[in-house]
N, C-alpha and C. Protein backbone atom coordinates (compact mmCIF):
# COMPACT_ATOMS: atom_id res chain seq x y z
N UNK A 1 131.01 13.75 -91.56
CA UNK A 1 132.14 14.60 -91.85
C UNK A 1 132.32 15.59 -90.70
N UNK A 2 133.54 15.77 -90.17
CA UNK A 2 133.76 16.67 -89.04
C UNK A 2 133.57 18.13 -89.45
N UNK A 3 133.17 18.94 -88.47
CA UNK A 3 133.01 20.37 -88.69
C UNK A 3 134.40 20.99 -88.75
N UNK A 4 134.67 21.84 -89.76
CA UNK A 4 136.01 22.42 -89.87
C UNK A 4 136.33 23.33 -88.71
N UNK A 5 137.58 23.31 -88.32
CA UNK A 5 138.07 24.19 -87.25
C UNK A 5 138.78 25.36 -87.92
N UNK A 6 138.50 26.54 -87.41
CA UNK A 6 139.10 27.73 -87.99
C UNK A 6 139.59 28.64 -86.89
N UNK A 7 140.46 29.54 -87.25
CA UNK A 7 140.89 30.60 -86.35
C UNK A 7 140.65 31.90 -87.09
N UNK A 8 140.42 32.97 -86.36
CA UNK A 8 140.24 34.25 -87.02
C UNK A 8 139.06 35.00 -86.45
N UNK A 9 138.78 36.18 -87.02
CA UNK A 9 137.74 37.05 -86.49
C UNK A 9 136.34 36.60 -86.86
N UNK A 10 135.89 35.49 -86.28
CA UNK A 10 134.56 34.99 -86.56
C UNK A 10 133.57 35.35 -85.46
N UNK A 11 134.04 35.94 -84.40
CA UNK A 11 133.16 36.29 -83.29
C UNK A 11 132.21 37.40 -83.74
N UNK A 12 130.91 37.27 -83.39
CA UNK A 12 129.94 38.28 -83.80
C UNK A 12 130.28 39.68 -83.30
N UNK A 13 130.97 39.77 -82.18
CA UNK A 13 131.29 41.09 -81.63
C UNK A 13 132.45 41.76 -82.34
N UNK A 14 133.08 41.07 -83.26
CA UNK A 14 134.19 41.66 -84.02
C UNK A 14 133.77 42.96 -84.71
N UNK A 15 132.52 43.04 -85.13
CA UNK A 15 132.05 44.20 -85.87
C UNK A 15 131.88 45.46 -85.02
N UNK A 16 131.83 45.32 -83.71
CA UNK A 16 131.64 46.49 -82.85
C UNK A 16 132.90 46.85 -82.05
N UNK A 17 133.93 46.05 -82.14
CA UNK A 17 135.13 46.28 -81.33
C UNK A 17 135.73 47.67 -81.54
N UNK A 18 135.91 48.08 -82.77
CA UNK A 18 136.54 49.38 -83.03
C UNK A 18 135.68 50.53 -82.52
N UNK A 19 134.37 50.40 -82.68
CA UNK A 19 133.47 51.46 -82.22
C UNK A 19 133.48 51.57 -80.70
N UNK A 20 133.51 50.44 -80.00
CA UNK A 20 133.59 50.47 -78.54
C UNK A 20 134.93 51.04 -78.11
N UNK A 21 135.98 50.70 -78.83
CA UNK A 21 137.31 51.21 -78.51
C UNK A 21 137.35 52.74 -78.61
N UNK A 22 136.78 53.28 -79.68
CA UNK A 22 136.73 54.73 -79.86
C UNK A 22 135.97 55.40 -78.71
N UNK A 23 134.85 54.81 -78.34
CA UNK A 23 134.02 55.38 -77.28
C UNK A 23 134.71 55.27 -75.92
N UNK A 24 135.44 54.18 -75.70
CA UNK A 24 136.08 53.98 -74.39
C UNK A 24 137.12 55.05 -74.09
N UNK A 25 137.69 55.63 -75.14
CA UNK A 25 138.68 56.70 -74.94
C UNK A 25 138.06 57.93 -74.27
N UNK A 26 136.74 58.06 -74.33
CA UNK A 26 136.04 59.20 -73.74
C UNK A 26 135.57 58.93 -72.31
N UNK A 27 135.79 57.74 -71.81
CA UNK A 27 135.31 57.38 -70.47
C UNK A 27 136.26 57.90 -69.40
N UNK A 28 135.74 58.10 -68.19
CA UNK A 28 136.62 58.42 -67.06
C UNK A 28 137.61 57.28 -66.83
N UNK A 29 138.69 57.55 -66.16
CA UNK A 29 139.81 56.63 -66.02
C UNK A 29 139.42 55.21 -65.58
N UNK A 30 138.63 55.09 -64.53
CA UNK A 30 138.29 53.75 -64.02
C UNK A 30 137.46 52.97 -65.03
N UNK A 31 136.43 53.62 -65.60
CA UNK A 31 135.60 52.95 -66.60
C UNK A 31 136.41 52.63 -67.85
N UNK A 32 137.32 53.53 -68.23
CA UNK A 32 138.15 53.30 -69.41
C UNK A 32 139.02 52.05 -69.21
N UNK A 33 139.59 51.90 -68.03
CA UNK A 33 140.40 50.70 -67.74
C UNK A 33 139.58 49.43 -67.85
N UNK A 34 138.36 49.45 -67.33
CA UNK A 34 137.48 48.28 -67.42
C UNK A 34 137.12 47.99 -68.88
N UNK A 35 136.76 49.03 -69.62
CA UNK A 35 136.38 48.85 -71.02
C UNK A 35 137.57 48.35 -71.85
N UNK A 36 138.74 48.87 -71.58
CA UNK A 36 139.93 48.42 -72.32
C UNK A 36 140.25 46.96 -72.03
N UNK A 37 140.00 46.52 -70.80
CA UNK A 37 140.23 45.11 -70.48
C UNK A 37 139.22 44.22 -71.21
N UNK A 38 137.96 44.66 -71.28
CA UNK A 38 136.96 43.91 -72.05
C UNK A 38 137.40 43.81 -73.51
N UNK A 39 137.85 44.91 -74.07
CA UNK A 39 138.31 44.91 -75.45
C UNK A 39 139.50 43.97 -75.64
N UNK A 40 140.42 43.97 -74.70
CA UNK A 40 141.58 43.08 -74.79
C UNK A 40 141.15 41.62 -74.78
N UNK A 41 140.25 41.28 -73.88
CA UNK A 41 139.76 39.90 -73.81
C UNK A 41 139.04 39.51 -75.10
N UNK A 42 138.25 40.42 -75.65
CA UNK A 42 137.52 40.13 -76.89
C UNK A 42 138.49 39.92 -78.06
N UNK A 43 139.51 40.71 -78.11
CA UNK A 43 140.50 40.56 -79.19
C UNK A 43 141.24 39.22 -79.06
N UNK A 44 141.48 38.81 -77.83
CA UNK A 44 142.09 37.49 -77.62
C UNK A 44 141.16 36.38 -78.11
N UNK A 45 139.87 36.53 -77.81
CA UNK A 45 138.90 35.52 -78.22
C UNK A 45 138.74 35.47 -79.74
N UNK A 46 138.92 36.62 -80.40
CA UNK A 46 138.82 36.66 -81.86
C UNK A 46 139.78 35.69 -82.53
N UNK A 47 140.97 35.58 -81.98
CA UNK A 47 141.99 34.75 -82.59
C UNK A 47 141.94 33.29 -82.19
N UNK A 48 141.03 32.96 -81.30
CA UNK A 48 140.94 31.58 -80.82
C UNK A 48 140.35 30.66 -81.87
N UNK A 49 140.73 29.42 -81.78
CA UNK A 49 140.22 28.40 -82.69
C UNK A 49 138.75 28.13 -82.39
N UNK A 50 138.00 27.89 -83.48
CA UNK A 50 136.56 27.65 -83.37
C UNK A 50 136.19 26.41 -84.18
N UNK A 51 135.07 25.84 -83.81
CA UNK A 51 134.50 24.73 -84.55
C UNK A 51 133.00 25.00 -84.68
N UNK A 52 132.53 25.11 -85.89
CA UNK A 52 131.12 25.40 -86.10
C UNK A 52 130.72 26.76 -85.55
N UNK A 53 131.66 27.69 -85.52
CA UNK A 53 131.39 29.03 -85.00
C UNK A 53 131.56 29.17 -83.49
N UNK A 54 131.70 28.05 -82.81
CA UNK A 54 131.84 28.09 -81.35
C UNK A 54 133.30 27.97 -80.94
N UNK A 55 133.65 28.70 -79.89
CA UNK A 55 135.01 28.62 -79.36
C UNK A 55 135.30 27.22 -78.87
N UNK A 56 136.51 26.78 -79.12
CA UNK A 56 136.96 25.52 -78.53
C UNK A 56 137.42 25.81 -77.10
N UNK A 57 137.18 24.88 -76.22
CA UNK A 57 137.48 25.07 -74.80
C UNK A 57 138.97 25.32 -74.57
N UNK A 58 139.25 26.12 -73.56
CA UNK A 58 140.61 26.47 -73.17
C UNK A 58 140.67 26.42 -71.65
N UNK A 59 141.82 26.10 -71.13
CA UNK A 59 142.00 25.95 -69.68
C UNK A 59 141.67 27.24 -68.92
N UNK A 60 141.87 28.41 -69.52
CA UNK A 60 141.63 29.67 -68.82
C UNK A 60 140.23 30.23 -68.97
N UNK A 61 139.32 29.47 -69.58
CA UNK A 61 137.99 30.01 -69.85
C UNK A 61 137.20 30.34 -68.59
N UNK A 62 137.30 29.53 -67.57
CA UNK A 62 136.55 29.80 -66.34
C UNK A 62 136.97 31.14 -65.74
N UNK A 63 138.26 31.40 -65.69
CA UNK A 63 138.74 32.67 -65.15
C UNK A 63 138.32 33.83 -66.04
N UNK A 64 138.34 33.64 -67.36
CA UNK A 64 137.89 34.68 -68.27
C UNK A 64 136.40 34.99 -68.05
N UNK A 65 135.60 33.95 -67.86
CA UNK A 65 134.17 34.15 -67.59
C UNK A 65 133.96 34.96 -66.33
N UNK A 66 134.68 34.62 -65.29
CA UNK A 66 134.56 35.36 -64.03
C UNK A 66 134.93 36.83 -64.22
N UNK A 67 136.04 37.06 -64.90
CA UNK A 67 136.49 38.43 -65.11
C UNK A 67 135.51 39.22 -65.97
N UNK A 68 135.04 38.61 -67.06
CA UNK A 68 134.10 39.31 -67.93
C UNK A 68 132.78 39.59 -67.22
N UNK A 69 132.32 38.66 -66.41
CA UNK A 69 131.09 38.89 -65.64
C UNK A 69 131.24 40.07 -64.69
N UNK A 70 132.37 40.13 -64.02
CA UNK A 70 132.64 41.24 -63.09
C UNK A 70 132.73 42.56 -63.84
N UNK A 71 133.47 42.58 -64.95
CA UNK A 71 133.63 43.81 -65.72
C UNK A 71 132.31 44.28 -66.31
N UNK A 72 131.53 43.36 -66.85
CA UNK A 72 130.23 43.74 -67.43
C UNK A 72 129.32 44.33 -66.36
N UNK A 73 129.35 43.76 -65.18
CA UNK A 73 128.54 44.28 -64.07
C UNK A 73 128.99 45.68 -63.67
N UNK A 74 130.29 45.86 -63.53
CA UNK A 74 130.82 47.18 -63.15
C UNK A 74 130.51 48.24 -64.21
N UNK A 75 130.72 47.89 -65.47
CA UNK A 75 130.47 48.85 -66.55
C UNK A 75 128.98 49.17 -66.69
N UNK A 76 128.14 48.20 -66.41
CA UNK A 76 126.70 48.39 -66.51
C UNK A 76 126.16 49.36 -65.47
N UNK A 77 126.91 49.61 -64.43
CA UNK A 77 126.49 50.52 -63.36
C UNK A 77 127.03 51.93 -63.56
N UNK A 78 127.78 52.16 -64.61
CA UNK A 78 128.48 53.44 -64.80
C UNK A 78 127.72 54.35 -65.75
N UNK A 79 128.44 55.28 -66.33
CA UNK A 79 127.84 56.26 -67.23
C UNK A 79 127.26 55.56 -68.46
N UNK A 80 126.35 56.25 -69.14
CA UNK A 80 125.72 55.65 -70.32
C UNK A 80 126.75 55.33 -71.41
N UNK A 81 127.84 56.06 -71.46
CA UNK A 81 128.87 55.78 -72.45
C UNK A 81 129.60 54.47 -72.17
N UNK A 82 129.47 53.94 -70.97
CA UNK A 82 130.10 52.67 -70.62
C UNK A 82 129.21 51.48 -70.97
N UNK A 83 127.94 51.72 -71.26
CA UNK A 83 127.01 50.62 -71.51
C UNK A 83 127.36 49.76 -72.72
N UNK A 84 127.84 50.35 -73.84
CA UNK A 84 128.23 49.46 -74.94
C UNK A 84 129.35 48.49 -74.55
N UNK A 85 130.30 48.93 -73.76
CA UNK A 85 131.37 48.04 -73.30
C UNK A 85 130.81 46.94 -72.41
N UNK A 86 129.80 47.26 -71.60
CA UNK A 86 129.15 46.25 -70.77
C UNK A 86 128.47 45.20 -71.65
N UNK A 87 127.78 45.66 -72.70
CA UNK A 87 127.13 44.73 -73.63
C UNK A 87 128.14 43.88 -74.36
N UNK A 88 129.27 44.48 -74.73
CA UNK A 88 130.33 43.72 -75.39
C UNK A 88 130.87 42.65 -74.45
N UNK A 89 131.03 42.99 -73.18
CA UNK A 89 131.47 42.00 -72.19
C UNK A 89 130.49 40.85 -72.07
N UNK A 90 129.19 41.16 -72.10
CA UNK A 90 128.17 40.10 -72.05
C UNK A 90 128.22 39.24 -73.31
N UNK A 91 128.50 39.87 -74.45
CA UNK A 91 128.62 39.10 -75.70
C UNK A 91 129.79 38.12 -75.62
N UNK A 92 130.92 38.58 -75.12
CA UNK A 92 132.09 37.71 -74.98
C UNK A 92 131.83 36.60 -73.97
N UNK A 93 131.12 36.94 -72.91
CA UNK A 93 130.76 35.94 -71.90
C UNK A 93 129.89 34.85 -72.52
N UNK A 94 128.91 35.25 -73.33
CA UNK A 94 128.05 34.27 -74.01
C UNK A 94 128.87 33.45 -75.01
N UNK A 95 129.81 34.10 -75.68
CA UNK A 95 130.68 33.39 -76.62
C UNK A 95 131.48 32.32 -75.88
N UNK A 96 132.02 32.66 -74.74
CA UNK A 96 132.77 31.69 -73.94
C UNK A 96 131.88 30.55 -73.46
N UNK A 97 130.60 30.83 -73.28
CA UNK A 97 129.66 29.81 -72.84
C UNK A 97 129.08 29.03 -74.01
N UNK A 98 129.55 29.36 -75.22
CA UNK A 98 129.12 28.71 -76.45
C UNK A 98 127.63 28.89 -76.72
N UNK A 99 127.10 30.04 -76.33
CA UNK A 99 125.69 30.39 -76.54
C UNK A 99 125.64 31.46 -77.63
N UNK A 100 125.64 31.02 -78.88
CA UNK A 100 125.73 31.95 -80.00
C UNK A 100 124.53 32.88 -80.09
N UNK A 101 123.35 32.39 -79.73
CA UNK A 101 122.15 33.23 -79.77
C UNK A 101 122.25 34.40 -78.80
N UNK A 102 122.67 34.12 -77.59
CA UNK A 102 122.84 35.19 -76.60
C UNK A 102 123.98 36.12 -76.97
N UNK A 103 125.01 35.57 -77.57
CA UNK A 103 126.13 36.39 -78.01
C UNK A 103 125.67 37.37 -79.08
N UNK A 104 124.91 36.88 -80.05
CA UNK A 104 124.40 37.75 -81.11
C UNK A 104 123.44 38.79 -80.56
N UNK A 105 122.61 38.42 -79.59
CA UNK A 105 121.68 39.38 -78.98
C UNK A 105 122.44 40.47 -78.24
N UNK A 106 123.49 40.10 -77.51
CA UNK A 106 124.29 41.09 -76.79
C UNK A 106 125.03 42.00 -77.77
N UNK A 107 125.47 41.44 -78.90
CA UNK A 107 126.12 42.27 -79.93
C UNK A 107 125.13 43.26 -80.53
N UNK A 108 123.90 42.81 -80.78
CA UNK A 108 122.87 43.71 -81.30
C UNK A 108 122.57 44.81 -80.30
N UNK A 109 122.54 44.46 -79.01
CA UNK A 109 122.32 45.45 -77.96
C UNK A 109 123.47 46.46 -77.93
N UNK A 110 124.69 45.97 -78.06
CA UNK A 110 125.87 46.83 -78.09
C UNK A 110 125.79 47.78 -79.28
N UNK A 111 125.45 47.24 -80.44
CA UNK A 111 125.33 48.05 -81.66
C UNK A 111 124.27 49.14 -81.48
N UNK A 112 123.13 48.78 -80.90
CA UNK A 112 122.05 49.75 -80.68
C UNK A 112 122.50 50.86 -79.73
N UNK A 113 123.21 50.49 -78.68
CA UNK A 113 123.69 51.50 -77.73
C UNK A 113 124.72 52.42 -78.38
N UNK A 114 125.59 51.85 -79.19
CA UNK A 114 126.57 52.67 -79.91
C UNK A 114 125.88 53.64 -80.86
N UNK A 115 124.86 53.16 -81.53
CA UNK A 115 124.11 54.01 -82.47
C UNK A 115 123.43 55.15 -81.73
N UNK A 116 122.84 54.86 -80.58
CA UNK A 116 122.19 55.90 -79.78
C UNK A 116 123.19 56.96 -79.31
N UNK A 117 124.43 56.54 -79.12
CA UNK A 117 125.48 57.46 -78.68
C UNK A 117 126.21 58.11 -79.86
N UNK A 118 125.69 57.87 -81.06
CA UNK A 118 126.27 58.51 -82.25
C UNK A 118 127.51 57.84 -82.78
N UNK A 119 127.68 56.58 -82.51
CA UNK A 119 128.87 55.83 -82.98
C UNK A 119 128.51 54.84 -84.06
């Protein structure tokens, strides 16, 4: 029997998106722009079709991976308030790579960083 295909907020990082969004409003302009782009990409991925919890391939995935890798790296070098957005970017990158274990680990890391920052 085939695995059902679904669309909707099944991405593990869905639970931290709003908290990262709230925190990104407090970032300096450059970091805020990077964090907002990560959030935008994650929201796009939320609505994508999935099979067995994994994203179905899309023609733009390679470019998304490159962009998320760059953004996660840039955010990881910034203020501590930017670190949850970097973790979220890594979660989305793992999601695009269909590595659910790494995606969940990055989401847990993001959640821990948000908690440490009082979010």
